[in-house]
C-alpha atoms as a PDB file:
ATOM      1  CA  SER A   1       0.000   0.000   0.000  1.00  0.00           C
ATOM      2  CA  GLY A   2       2.737   2.374  -1.001  1.00  0.00           C
ATOM      3  CA  GLY A   3       2.800   5.839  -2.447  1.00  0.00           C
ATOM      4  CA  VAL A   4       3.902   4.538  -5.826  1.00  0.00           C
ATOM      5  CA  ASP A   5       2.563   7.633  -7.578  1.00  0.00           C
ATOM      6  CA  ILE A   6       2.875  10.825  -5.568  1.00  0.00           C
ATOM      7  CA  ARG A   7       1.345  13.150  -8.157  1.00  0.00           C
ATOM      8  CA  PRO A   8      -2.272  12.779  -6.936  1.00  0.00           C
ATOM      9  CA  PHE A   9      -1.163  13.943  -3.468  1.00  0.00           C
ATOM     10  CA  PRO A  10       0.597  17.304  -4.025  1.00  0.00           C
ATOM     11  CA  ASP A  11      -0.350  18.733  -0.628  1.00  0.00           C
ATOM     12  CA  SER A  12       0.538  15.678   1.456  1.00  0.00           C
ATOM     13  CA  TRP A  13       3.527  14.622   3.549  1.00  0.00           C
ATOM     14  CA  LEU A  14       5.426  17.911   3.068  1.00  0.00           C
ATOM     15  CA  MET A  15       6.471  16.755  -0.401  1.00  0.00           C
ATOM     16  CA  LYS A  16       6.298  20.213  -1.911  1.00  0.00           C
ATOM     17  CA  GLU A  17       8.894  21.350   0.633  1.00  0.00           C
ATOM     18  CA  GLN A  18      11.220  18.683  -0.800  1.00  0.00           C
ATOM     19  CA  LEU A  19      10.261  18.764  -4.492  1.00  0.00           C
ATOM     20  CA  GLY A  20       8.854  22.252  -4.922  1.00  0.00           C
ATOM     21  CA  ALA A  21       5.240  22.953  -5.751  1.00  0.00           C
ATOM     22  CA  GLN A  22       3.935  20.476  -8.317  1.00  0.00           C
ATOM     23  CA  ASN A  23       2.733  23.208 -10.686  1.00  0.00           C
ATOM     24  CA  GLU A  24       6.099  25.016 -10.487  1.00  0.00           C
ATOM     25  CA  HIS A  25       8.400  21.984 -10.676  1.00  0.00           C
ATOM     26  CA  PRO A  26       6.475  19.224 -12.457  1.00  0.00           C
ATOM     27  CA  GLU A  27       9.725  17.602 -13.610  1.00  0.00           C
ATOM     28  CA  ASN A  28      10.631  16.835  -9.982  1.00  0.00           C
ATOM     29  CA  TRP A  29       7.261  15.205  -9.386  1.00  0.00           C
ATOM     30  CA  GLU A  30       7.539  13.161 -12.571  1.00  0.00           C
ATOM     31  CA  SER A  31      11.055  11.907 -11.846  1.00  0.00           C
ATOM     32  CA  HIS A  32      10.447  11.101  -8.162  1.00  0.00           C
ATOM     33  CA  THR A  33       7.384   8.920  -8.568  1.00  0.00           C
ATOM     34  CA  VAL A  34       7.838   5.153  -8.669  1.00  0.00           C
ATOM     35  CA  ILE A  35       5.372   4.466 -11.468  1.00  0.00           C
ATOM     36  CA  ASN A  36       7.492   6.543 -13.859  1.00  0.00           C
ATOM     37  CA  GLN A  37      10.638   4.591 -13.012  1.00  0.00           C
ATOM     38  CA  VAL A  38       9.406   1.110 -13.907  1.00  0.00           C
ATOM     39  CA  ASP A  39       9.931   1.584 -17.658  1.00  0.00           C
ATOM     40  CA  SER A  40      13.593   0.689 -17.122  1.00  0.00           C
ATOM     41  CA  LEU A  41      12.764  -2.629 -15.405  1.00  0.00           C
ATOM     42  CA  HIS A  42      13.040  -5.971 -17.114  1.00  0.00           C
ATOM     43  CA  ASP A  43      11.196  -9.056 -16.011  1.00  0.00           C
ATOM     44  CA  GLY A  44      13.194 -10.740 -13.252  1.00  0.00           C
ATOM     45  CA  ASP A  45      15.245  -7.660 -12.295  1.00  0.00           C
ATOM     46  CA  LEU A  46      13.515  -7.423  -8.923  1.00  0.00           C
ATOM     47  CA  ALA A  47      11.324  -9.529  -6.687  1.00  0.00           C
ATOM     48  CA  LEU A  48       8.229  -7.326  -6.488  1.00  0.00           C
ATOM     49  CA  ILE A  49       5.263  -7.640  -4.202  1.00  0.00           C
ATOM     50  CA  PHE A  50       2.811  -4.953  -3.231  1.00  0.00           C
ATOM     51  CA  ASP A  51      -0.342  -5.345  -1.263  1.00  0.00           C
ATOM     52  CA  CYS A  52      -3.160  -2.852  -0.919  1.00  0.00           C
ATOM     53  CA  GLY A  53      -6.604  -2.806   0.611  1.00  0.00           C
ATOM     54  CA  TYR A  54      -9.704  -1.795  -1.307  1.00  0.00           C
ATOM     55  CA  ASP A  55     -10.292   1.040   1.162  1.00  0.00           C
ATOM     56  CA  ASP A  56      -6.708   2.355   1.097  1.00  0.00           C
ATOM     57  CA  PHE A  57      -6.338   5.879  -0.289  1.00  0.00           C
ATOM     58  CA  PHE A  58      -3.385   4.491  -2.307  1.00  0.00           C
ATOM     59  CA  PHE A  59      -5.530   1.773  -3.924  1.00  0.00           C
ATOM     60  CA  GLU A  60      -5.900   3.449  -7.332  1.00  0.00           C
ATOM     61  CA  VAL A  61      -2.185   4.269  -7.721  1.00  0.00           C
ATOM     62  CA  ASN A  62      -1.231   0.735  -6.679  1.00  0.00           C
ATOM     63  CA  LYS A  63      -3.696  -0.694  -9.189  1.00  0.00           C
ATOM     64  CA  ALA A  64      -2.223   1.582 -11.875  1.00  0.00           C
ATOM     65  CA  LEU A  65       1.288   0.339 -11.063  1.00  0.00           C
ATOM     66  CA  HIS A  66       0.060  -3.251 -11.355  1.00  0.00           C
ATOM     67  CA  GLU A  67      -1.446  -2.526 -14.776  1.00  0.00           C
ATOM     68  CA  LYS A  68       1.718  -0.789 -15.984  1.00  0.00           C
ATOM     69  CA  LEU A  69       3.908  -3.690 -14.843  1.00  0.00           C
ATOM     70  CA  ARG A  70       1.556  -6.118 -16.614  1.00  0.00           C
ATOM     71  CA  THR A  71       1.762  -4.071 -19.798  1.00  0.00           C
ATOM     72  CA  LEU A  72       5.570  -4.059 -19.583  1.00  0.00           C
ATOM     73  CA  GLY A  73       5.661  -7.804 -18.899  1.00  0.00           C
ATOM     74  CA  VAL A  74       7.391  -7.349 -15.533  1.00  0.00           C
ATOM     75  CA  GLY A  75       6.496 -10.150 -13.161  1.00  0.00           C
ATOM     76  CA  HIS A  76       5.191  -9.158  -9.745  1.00  0.00           C
ATOM     77  CA  ASP A  77       2.701 -10.130  -7.083  1.00  0.00           C
ATOM     78  CA  PHE A  78      -0.144  -7.709  -6.449  1.00  0.00           C
ATOM     79  CA  VAL A  79      -2.436  -8.568  -3.569  1.00  0.00           C
ATOM     80  CA  ILE A  80      -5.776  -6.839  -3.011  1.00  0.00           C
ATOM     81  CA  ARG A  81      -7.817  -7.546   0.088  1.00  0.00           C
ATOM     82  CA  PRO A  82     -10.451  -5.781   2.152  1.00  0.00           C
ATOM     83  CA  GLY A  83      -9.013  -3.115   4.409  1.00  0.00           C
ATOM     84  CA  GLY A  84      -7.455   0.290   4.563  1.00  0.00           C
ATOM     85  CA  HIS A  85      -4.131   2.037   5.065  1.00  0.00           C
ATOM     86  CA  ASN A  86      -3.565   1.000   8.663  1.00  0.00           C
ATOM     87  CA  ALA A  87      -1.653  -1.265  11.035  1.00  0.00           C
ATOM     88  CA  THR A  88      -4.441  -3.848  11.141  1.00  0.00           C
ATOM     89  CA  TYR A  89      -4.160  -4.397   7.398  1.00  0.00           C
ATOM     90  CA  TRP A  90      -0.357  -4.518   7.402  1.00  0.00           C
ATOM     91  CA  ALA A  91      -0.185  -6.873  10.392  1.00  0.00           C
ATOM     92  CA  ASN A  92      -2.243  -9.329   8.376  1.00  0.00           C
ATOM     93  CA  SER A  93      -0.274  -8.880   5.138  1.00  0.00           C
ATOM     94  CA  LEU A  94       3.240  -8.966   6.559  1.00  0.00           C
ATOM     95  CA  PRO A  95       3.436 -12.779   6.981  1.00  0.00           C
ATOM     96  CA  TYR A  96       2.522 -13.248   3.305  1.00  0.00           C
ATOM     97  CA  GLN A  97       5.135 -10.754   2.210  1.00  0.00           C
ATOM     98  CA  MET A  98       7.774 -12.438   4.370  1.00  0.00           C
ATOM     99  CA  LEU A  99       6.881 -15.782   2.775  1.00  0.00           C
ATOM    100  CA  PHE A 100       7.223 -14.211  -0.684  1.00  0.00           C
ATOM    101  CA  PHE A 101      10.759 -13.006   0.084  1.00  0.00           C
ATOM    102  CA  ARG A 102      11.767 -16.194   1.891  1.00  0.00           C
ATOM    103  CA  ARG A 103      10.827 -18.205  -1.186  1.00  0.00           C
ATOM    104  CA  TRP A 104      12.710 -15.761  -3.424  1.00  0.00           C
ATOM    105  CA  PHE A 105      15.853 -15.969  -1.295  1.00  0.00           C
ATOM    106  CA  CYS A 106      15.631 -19.768  -1.211  1.00  0.00           C
ATOM    107  CA  ARG A 107      15.463 -19.846  -5.024  1.00  0.00           C
ATOM    108  CA  GLN A 108      18.619 -17.702  -5.021  1.00  0.00           C
ATOM    109  CA  GLY A 109      20.363 -20.224  -2.777  1.00  0.00           C
ATOM    110  CA  VAL A 110      20.321 -17.888   0.237  1.00  0.00           C
ATOM    111  CA  GLU A 111      18.773 -19.195   3.432  1.00  0.00           C
END
């Protein structure tokens, strides 16, 4: 449930203090958002998992990242479940994410 596209949230998290106002420095906002950086990925470059609840305010940007990765043919796991952007949701999702990475590391010969 990450902020994989910051552009819809120009007044949040003091980002404009770091990047400048979005309307004055759009290039900073474009280059510092995750969804615009995935074009350089190739399938298998990274082990990717992201997990977002239907009620999370980041749901739409996470769904857009999933669709872009699908279009680019970059393998990833995208999990959608009921819930919001809160500790209750993450406490439930963390064991699945840990399993994802454990399996990835085991396939790499790292235990």
